[in-house]
Amino acid sequence: MINRRVVVLLPESLLAEVDRVADQEYSSRSAFIRAAMQHLLDEKRRAEKREKMAFGYQKMGPLNLQLAEEGIG
């Protein structure tokens, strides 16, 4: 994996908090920011999947109900 350097502007208060956590729990500020970004992207993917599943369940609801009623009758 090739790492690229990026410049990000942050408010001082946010950077101070990032540095505090990074010093305690990560090997570096960069490691913390990578982990935080990956976590956010993972959560976004999960949310998108949940939305797609909910849409699918709503779309298939009437058919599932019909099939269930046919099976009961």
PDB file of N, CA and C in Angstrom:
ATOM      1  N   MET A   1       0.841  -1.174   0.000  1.00  0.00           N
ATOM      2  CA  MET A   1       0.000   0.000   0.000  1.00  0.00           C
ATOM      3  C   MET A   1       0.889   1.241   0.000  1.00  0.00           C
ATOM      4  N   ILE A   2       0.602   2.155  -0.896  1.00  0.00           N
ATOM      5  CA  ILE A   2       1.348   3.405  -0.966  1.00  0.00           C
ATOM      6  C   ILE A   2       0.629   4.454  -0.136  1.00  0.00           C
ATOM      7  N   ASN A   3       1.356   5.072   0.759  1.00  0.00           N
ATOM      8  CA  ASN A   3       0.782   6.139   1.578  1.00  0.00           C
ATOM      9  C   ASN A   3       1.027   7.474   0.908  1.00  0.00           C
ATOM     10  N   ARG A   4       0.024   8.337   0.961  1.00  0.00           N
ATOM     11  CA  ARG A   4       0.135   9.674   0.395  1.00  0.00           C
ATOM     12  C   ARG A   4       0.004  10.690   1.516  1.00  0.00           C
ATOM     13  N   ARG A   5       0.765  11.739   1.425  1.00  0.00           N
ATOM     14  CA  ARG A   5       0.691  12.811   2.417  1.00  0.00           C
ATOM     15  C   ARG A   5      -0.435  13.760   2.013  1.00  0.00           C
ATOM     16  N   VAL A   6      -1.258  14.127   2.993  1.00  0.00           N
ATOM     17  CA  VAL A   6      -2.337  15.090   2.762  1.00  0.00           C
ATOM     18  C   VAL A   6      -2.265  16.175   3.834  1.00  0.00           C
ATOM     19  N   VAL A   7      -2.787  17.312   3.505  1.00  0.00           N
ATOM     20  CA  VAL A   7      -2.837  18.417   4.462  1.00  0.00           C
ATOM     21  C   VAL A   7      -4.294  18.615   4.853  1.00  0.00           C
ATOM     22  N   VAL A   8      -4.541  18.626   6.141  1.00  0.00           N
ATOM     23  CA  VAL A   8      -5.894  18.809   6.656  1.00  0.00           C
ATOM     24  C   VAL A   8      -5.857  19.946   7.673  1.00  0.00           C
ATOM     25  N   LEU A   9      -6.765  20.883   7.513  1.00  0.00           N
ATOM     26  CA  LEU A   9      -6.855  21.990   8.464  1.00  0.00           C
ATOM     27  C   LEU A   9      -7.878  21.630   9.535  1.00  0.00           C
ATOM     28  N   LEU A  10      -7.455  21.743  10.803  1.00  0.00           N
ATOM     29  CA  LEU A  10      -8.318  21.408  11.929  1.00  0.00           C
ATOM     30  C   LEU A  10      -8.312  22.545  12.938  1.00  0.00           C
ATOM     31  N   PRO A  11      -9.415  22.733  13.615  1.00  0.00           N
ATOM     32  CA  PRO A  11      -9.400  23.692  14.728  1.00  0.00           C
ATOM     33  C   PRO A  11      -8.421  23.200  15.804  1.00  0.00           C
ATOM     34  N   GLU A  12      -7.800  24.146  16.482  1.00  0.00           N
ATOM     35  CA  GLU A  12      -6.798  23.772  17.490  1.00  0.00           C
ATOM     36  C   GLU A  12      -7.369  22.858  18.557  1.00  0.00           C
ATOM     37  N   SER A  13      -8.615  23.109  18.965  1.00  0.00           N
ATOM     38  CA  SER A  13      -9.205  22.296  20.028  1.00  0.00           C
ATOM     39  C   SER A  13      -9.374  20.842  19.573  1.00  0.00           C
ATOM     40  N   LEU A  14      -9.770  20.635  18.316  1.00  0.00           N
ATOM     41  CA  LEU A  14      -9.915  19.278  17.796  1.00  0.00           C
ATOM     42  C   LEU A  14      -8.556  18.597  17.684  1.00  0.00           C
ATOM     43  N   LEU A  15      -7.564  19.326  17.200  1.00  0.00           N
ATOM     44  CA  LEU A  15      -6.224  18.757  17.079  1.00  0.00           C
ATOM     45  C   LEU A  15      -5.667  18.377  18.449  1.00  0.00           C
ATOM     46  N   ALA A  16      -5.921  19.196  19.451  1.00  0.00           N
ATOM     47  CA  ALA A  16      -5.451  18.888  20.806  1.00  0.00           C
ATOM     48  C   ALA A  16      -6.085  17.596  21.308  1.00  0.00           C
ATOM     49  N   GLU A  17      -7.377  17.426  21.044  1.00  0.00           N
ATOM     50  CA  GLU A  17      -8.059  16.200  21.475  1.00  0.00           C
ATOM     51  C   GLU A  17      -7.539  14.989  20.710  1.00  0.00           C
ATOM     52  N   VAL A  18      -7.329  15.157  19.406  1.00  0.00           N
ATOM     53  CA  VAL A  18      -6.763  14.075  18.583  1.00  0.00           C
ATOM     54  C   VAL A  18      -5.399  13.678  19.124  1.00  0.00           C
ATOM     55  N   ASP A  19      -4.558  14.659  19.400  1.00  0.00           N
ATOM     56  CA  ASP A  19      -3.217  14.369  19.916  1.00  0.00           C
ATOM     57  C   ASP A  19      -3.264  13.666  21.263  1.00  0.00           C
ATOM     58  N   ARG A  20      -4.192  14.084  22.120  1.00  0.00           N
ATOM     59  CA  ARG A  20      -4.308  13.450  23.444  1.00  0.00           C
ATOM     60  C   ARG A  20      -4.634  11.962  23.293  1.00  0.00           C
ATOM     61  N   VAL A  21      -5.626  11.647  22.458  1.00  0.00           N
ATOM     62  CA  VAL A  21      -6.018  10.248  22.261  1.00  0.00           C
ATOM     63  C   VAL A  21      -4.928   9.488  21.517  1.00  0.00           C
ATOM     64  N   ALA A  22      -4.362  10.112  20.502  1.00  0.00           N
ATOM     65  CA  ALA A  22      -3.311   9.448  19.726  1.00  0.00           C
ATOM     66  C   ALA A  22      -2.121   9.091  20.611  1.00  0.00           C
ATOM     67  N   ASP A  23      -1.744   9.990  21.505  1.00  0.00           N
ATOM     68  CA  ASP A  23      -0.613   9.722  22.405  1.00  0.00           C
ATOM     69  C   ASP A  23      -0.899   8.554  23.345  1.00  0.00           C
ATOM     70  N   GLN A  24      -2.157   8.420  23.764  1.00  0.00           N
ATOM     71  CA  GLN A  24      -2.515   7.382  24.721  1.00  0.00           C
ATOM     72  C   GLN A  24      -2.764   6.029  24.070  1.00  0.00           C
ATOM     73  N   GLU A  25      -3.349   6.026  22.868  1.00  0.00           N
ATOM     74  CA  GLU A  25      -3.868   4.781  22.323  1.00  0.00           C
ATOM     75  C   GLU A  25      -3.311   4.366  20.960  1.00  0.00           C
ATOM     76  N   TYR A  26      -2.563   5.229  20.302  1.00  0.00           N
ATOM     77  CA  TYR A  26      -2.061   4.921  18.962  1.00  0.00           C
ATOM     78  C   TYR A  26      -0.573   5.217  18.880  1.00  0.00           C
ATOM     79  N   SER A  27       0.035   4.709  17.853  1.00  0.00           N
ATOM     80  CA  SER A  27       1.477   4.916  17.691  1.00  0.00           C
ATOM     81  C   SER A  27       1.804   6.313  17.183  1.00  0.00           C
ATOM     82  N   SER A  28       0.814   6.978  16.580  1.00  0.00           N
ATOM     83  CA  SER A  28       1.050   8.320  16.048  1.00  0.00           C
ATOM     84  C   SER A  28      -0.274   9.005  15.754  1.00  0.00           C
ATOM     85  N   ARG A  29      -0.197  10.302  15.486  1.00  0.00           N
ATOM     86  CA  ARG A  29      -1.376  11.052  15.068  1.00  0.00           C
ATOM     87  C   ARG A  29      -1.919  10.471  13.764  1.00  0.00           C
ATOM     88  N   SER A  30      -1.034  10.145  12.849  1.00  0.00           N
ATOM     89  CA  SER A  30      -1.464   9.587  11.561  1.00  0.00           C
ATOM     90  C   SER A  30      -2.197   8.263  11.744  1.00  0.00           C
ATOM     91  N   ALA A  31      -1.691   7.426  12.645  1.00  0.00           N
ATOM     92  CA  ALA A  31      -2.347   6.137  12.890  1.00  0.00           C
ATOM     93  C   ALA A  31      -3.758   6.345  13.436  1.00  0.00           C
ATOM     94  N   PHE A  32      -3.903   7.319  14.343  1.00  0.00           N
ATOM     95  CA  PHE A  32      -5.232   7.623  14.886  1.00  0.00           C
ATOM     96  C   PHE A  32      -6.170   8.120  13.794  1.00  0.00           C
ATOM     97  N   ILE A  33      -5.693   9.038  12.977  1.00  0.00           N
ATOM     98  CA  ILE A  33      -6.540   9.610  11.926  1.00  0.00           C
ATOM     99  C   ILE A  33      -6.912   8.540  10.901  1.00  0.00           C
ATOM    100  N   ARG A  34      -5.982   7.660  10.549  1.00  0.00           N
ATOM    101  CA  ARG A  34      -6.301   6.550   9.629  1.00  0.00           C
ATOM    102  C   ARG A  34      -7.399   5.673  10.215  1.00  0.00           C
ATOM    103  N   ALA A  35      -7.247   5.320  11.504  1.00  0.00           N
ATOM    104  CA  ALA A  35      -8.245   4.462  12.159  1.00  0.00           C
ATOM    105  C   ALA A  35      -9.606   5.156  12.219  1.00  0.00           C
ATOM    106  N   ALA A  36      -9.614   6.445  12.535  1.00  0.00           N
ATOM    107  CA  ALA A  36     -10.873   7.190  12.622  1.00  0.00           C
ATOM    108  C   ALA A  36     -11.544   7.276  11.258  1.00  0.00           C
ATOM    109  N   MET A  37     -10.779   7.528  10.227  1.00  0.00           N
ATOM    110  CA  MET A  37     -11.342   7.611   8.879  1.00  0.00           C
ATOM    111  C   MET A  37     -11.882   6.259   8.434  1.00  0.00           C
ATOM    112  N   GLN A  38     -11.142   5.206   8.720  1.00  0.00           N
ATOM    113  CA  GLN A  38     -11.601   3.869   8.335  1.00  0.00           C
ATOM    114  C   GLN A  38     -12.889   3.513   9.066  1.00  0.00           C
ATOM    115  N   HIS A  39     -12.947   3.856  10.349  1.00  0.00           N
ATOM    116  CA  HIS A  39     -14.157   3.593  11.141  1.00  0.00           C
ATOM    117  C   HIS A  39     -15.357   4.334  10.548  1.00  0.00           C
ATOM    118  N   LEU A  40     -15.179   5.593  10.208  1.00  0.00           N
ATOM    119  CA  LEU A  40     -16.267   6.383   9.642  1.00  0.00           C
ATOM    120  C   LEU A  40     -16.726   5.797   8.303  1.00  0.00           C
ATOM    121  N   LEU A  41     -15.787   5.394   7.464  1.00  0.00           N
ATOM    122  CA  LEU A  41     -16.152   4.792   6.177  1.00  0.00           C
ATOM    123  C   LEU A  41     -16.873   3.462   6.368  1.00  0.00           C
ATOM    124  N   ASP A  42     -16.410   2.650   7.316  1.00  0.00           N
ATOM    125  CA  ASP A  42     -17.081   1.377   7.607  1.00  0.00           C
ATOM    126  C   ASP A  42     -18.519   1.609   8.071  1.00  0.00           C
ATOM    127  N   GLU A  43     -18.705   2.584   8.959  1.00  0.00           N
ATOM    128  CA  GLU A  43     -20.046   2.899   9.455  1.00  0.00           C
ATOM    129  C   GLU A  43     -20.944   3.396   8.331  1.00  0.00           C
ATOM    130  N   LYS A  44     -20.384   4.185   7.433  1.00  0.00           N
ATOM    131  CA  LYS A  44     -21.165   4.690   6.301  1.00  0.00           C
ATOM    132  C   LYS A  44     -21.601   3.532   5.412  1.00  0.00           C
ATOM    133  N   ARG A  45     -20.712   2.579   5.151  1.00  0.00           N
ATOM    134  CA  ARG A  45     -21.070   1.410   4.341  1.00  0.00           C
ATOM    135  C   ARG A  45     -22.167   0.592   5.013  1.00  0.00           C
ATOM    136  N   ARG A  46     -22.063   0.397   6.330  1.00  0.00           N
ATOM    137  CA  ARG A  46     -23.092  -0.349   7.062  1.00  0.00           C
ATOM    138  C   ARG A  46     -24.446   0.350   6.979  1.00  0.00           C
ATOM    139  N   ALA A  47     -24.439   1.661   7.127  1.00  0.00           N
ATOM    140  CA  ALA A  47     -25.692   2.421   7.059  1.00  0.00           C
ATOM    141  C   ALA A  47     -26.312   2.307   5.671  1.00  0.00           C
ATOM    142  N   GLU A  48     -25.486   2.364   4.640  1.00  0.00           N
ATOM    143  CA  GLU A  48     -26.001   2.228   3.273  1.00  0.00           C
ATOM    144  C   GLU A  48     -26.599   0.843   3.052  1.00  0.00           C
ATOM    145  N   LYS A  49     -25.959  -0.186   3.581  1.00  0.00           N
ATOM    146  CA  LYS A  49     -26.495  -1.543   3.459  1.00  0.00           C
ATOM    147  C   LYS A  49     -27.822  -1.672   4.188  1.00  0.00           C
ATOM    148  N   ARG A  50     -27.908  -1.093   5.410  1.00  0.00           N
ATOM    149  CA  ARG A  50     -29.162  -1.141   6.166  1.00  0.00           C
ATOM    150  C   ARG A  50     -30.294  -0.461   5.403  1.00  0.00           C
ATOM    151  N   GLU A  51     -29.984   0.677   4.788  1.00  0.00           N
ATOM    152  CA  GLU A  51     -31.005   1.392   4.012  1.00  0.00           C
ATOM    153  C   GLU A  51     -31.478   0.546   2.830  1.00  0.00           C
ATOM    154  N   LYS A  52     -30.549  -0.092   2.141  1.00  0.00           N
ATOM    155  CA  LYS A  52     -30.909  -0.941   1.004  1.00  0.00           C
ATOM    156  C   LYS A  52     -31.748  -2.134   1.460  1.00  0.00           C
ATOM    157  N   MET A  53     -31.366  -2.720   2.588  1.00  0.00           N
ATOM    158  CA  MET A  53     -32.129  -3.856   3.104  1.00  0.00           C
ATOM    159  C   MET A  53     -33.533  -3.431   3.507  1.00  0.00           C
ATOM    160  N   ALA A  54     -33.658  -2.290   4.175  1.00  0.00           N
ATOM    161  CA  ALA A  54     -34.971  -1.805   4.593  1.00  0.00           C
ATOM    162  C   ALA A  54     -35.842  -1.543   3.367  1.00  0.00           C
ATOM    163  N   PHE A  55     -35.269  -0.958   2.342  1.00  0.00           N
ATOM    164  CA  PHE A  55     -36.020  -0.706   1.113  1.00  0.00           C
ATOM    165  C   PHE A  55     -36.471  -2.025   0.498  1.00  0.00           C
ATOM    166  N   GLY A  56     -35.581  -3.010   0.465  1.00  0.00           N
ATOM    167  CA  GLY A  56     -35.922  -4.320  -0.088  1.00  0.00           C
ATOM    168  C   GLY A  56     -37.023  -5.009   0.690  1.00  0.00           C
ATOM    169  N   TYR A  57     -36.946  -4.938   2.019  1.00  0.00           N
ATOM    170  CA  TYR A  57     -37.988  -5.545   2.843  1.00  0.00           C
ATOM    171  C   TYR A  57     -39.339  -4.861   2.603  1.00  0.00           C
ATOM    172  N   GLN A  58     -39.329  -3.539   2.492  1.00  0.00           N
ATOM    173  CA  GLN A  58     -40.578  -2.821   2.226  1.00  0.00           C
ATOM    174  C   GLN A  58     -41.129  -3.185   0.850  1.00  0.00           C
ATOM    175  N   LYS A  59     -40.253  -3.280  -0.119  1.00  0.00           N
ATOM    176  CA  LYS A  59     -40.663  -3.601  -1.480  1.00  0.00           C
ATOM    177  C   LYS A  59     -41.233  -5.020  -1.561  1.00  0.00           C
ATOM    178  N   MET A  60     -40.641  -5.949  -0.824  1.00  0.00           N
ATOM    179  CA  MET A  60     -41.053  -7.351  -0.886  1.00  0.00           C
ATOM    180  C   MET A  60     -42.158  -7.685   0.114  1.00  0.00           C
ATOM    181  N   GLY A  61     -42.497  -6.756   0.998  1.00  0.00           N
ATOM    182  CA  GLY A  61     -43.501  -7.008   2.031  1.00  0.00           C
ATOM    183  C   GLY A  61     -44.817  -7.563   1.513  1.00  0.00           C
ATOM    184  N   PRO A  62     -45.429  -6.906   0.532  1.00  0.00           N
ATOM    185  CA  PRO A  62     -46.711  -7.422   0.037  1.00  0.00           C
ATOM    186  C   PRO A  62     -46.606  -8.839  -0.548  1.00  0.00           C
ATOM    187  N   LEU A  63     -45.538  -9.109  -1.271  1.00  0.00           N
ATOM    188  CA  LEU A  63     -45.359 -10.444  -1.837  1.00  0.00           C
ATOM    189  C   LEU A  63     -45.164 -11.474  -0.730  1.00  0.00           C
ATOM    190  N   ASN A  64     -44.365 -11.131   0.264  1.00  0.00           N
ATOM    191  CA  ASN A  64     -44.144 -12.062   1.383  1.00  0.00           C
ATOM    192  C   ASN A  64     -45.454 -12.340   2.128  1.00  0.00           C
ATOM    193  N   LEU A  65     -46.257 -11.306   2.327  1.00  0.00           N
ATOM    194  CA  LEU A  65     -47.546 -11.487   2.988  1.00  0.00           C
ATOM    195  C   LEU A  65     -48.449 -12.391   2.170  1.00  0.00           C
ATOM    196  N   GLN A  66     -48.495 -12.177   0.870  1.00  0.00           N
ATOM    197  CA  GLN A  66     -49.311 -13.010  -0.022  1.00  0.00           C
ATOM    198  C   GLN A  66     -48.859 -14.459   0.033  1.00  0.00           C
ATOM    199  N   LEU A  67     -47.561 -14.686  -0.032  1.00  0.00           N
ATOM    200  CA  LEU A  67     -47.041 -16.056   0.021  1.00  0.00           C
ATOM    201  C   LEU A  67     -47.359 -16.710   1.361  1.00  0.00           C
ATOM    202  N   ALA A  68     -47.227 -15.947   2.446  1.00  0.00           N
ATOM    203  CA  ALA A  68     -47.541 -16.489   3.770  1.00  0.00           C
ATOM    204  C   ALA A  68     -49.014 -16.836   3.879  1.00  0.00           C
ATOM    205  N   GLU A  69     -49.867 -15.976   3.370  1.00  0.00           N
ATOM    206  CA  GLU A  69     -51.302 -16.253   3.435  1.00  0.00           C
ATOM    207  C   GLU A  69     -51.683 -17.469   2.585  1.00  0.00           C
ATOM    208  N   GLU A  70     -51.025 -17.624   1.454  1.00  0.00           N
ATOM    209  CA  GLU A  70     -51.292 -18.793   0.607  1.00  0.00           C
ATOM    210  C   GLU A  70     -50.849 -20.084   1.312  1.00  0.00           C
ATOM    211  N   GLY A  71     -49.747 -19.985   2.050  1.00  0.00           N
ATOM    212  CA  GLY A  71     -49.237 -21.145   2.766  1.00  0.00           C
ATOM    213  C   GLY A  71     -50.125 -21.544   3.925  1.00  0.00           C
ATOM    214  N   ILE A  72     -50.798 -20.576   4.512  1.00  0.00           N
ATOM    215  CA  ILE A  72     -51.680 -20.831   5.660  1.00  0.00           C
ATOM    216  C   ILE A  72     -53.001 -21.426   5.195  1.00  0.00           C
ATOM    217  N   GLY A  73     -53.507 -20.968   4.061  1.00  0.00           N
ATOM    218  CA  GLY A  73     -54.835 -21.336   3.578  1.00  0.00           C
ATOM    219  C   GLY A  73     -54.936 -22.717   3.084  1.00  0.00           C
TER     220      GLY A  73
END
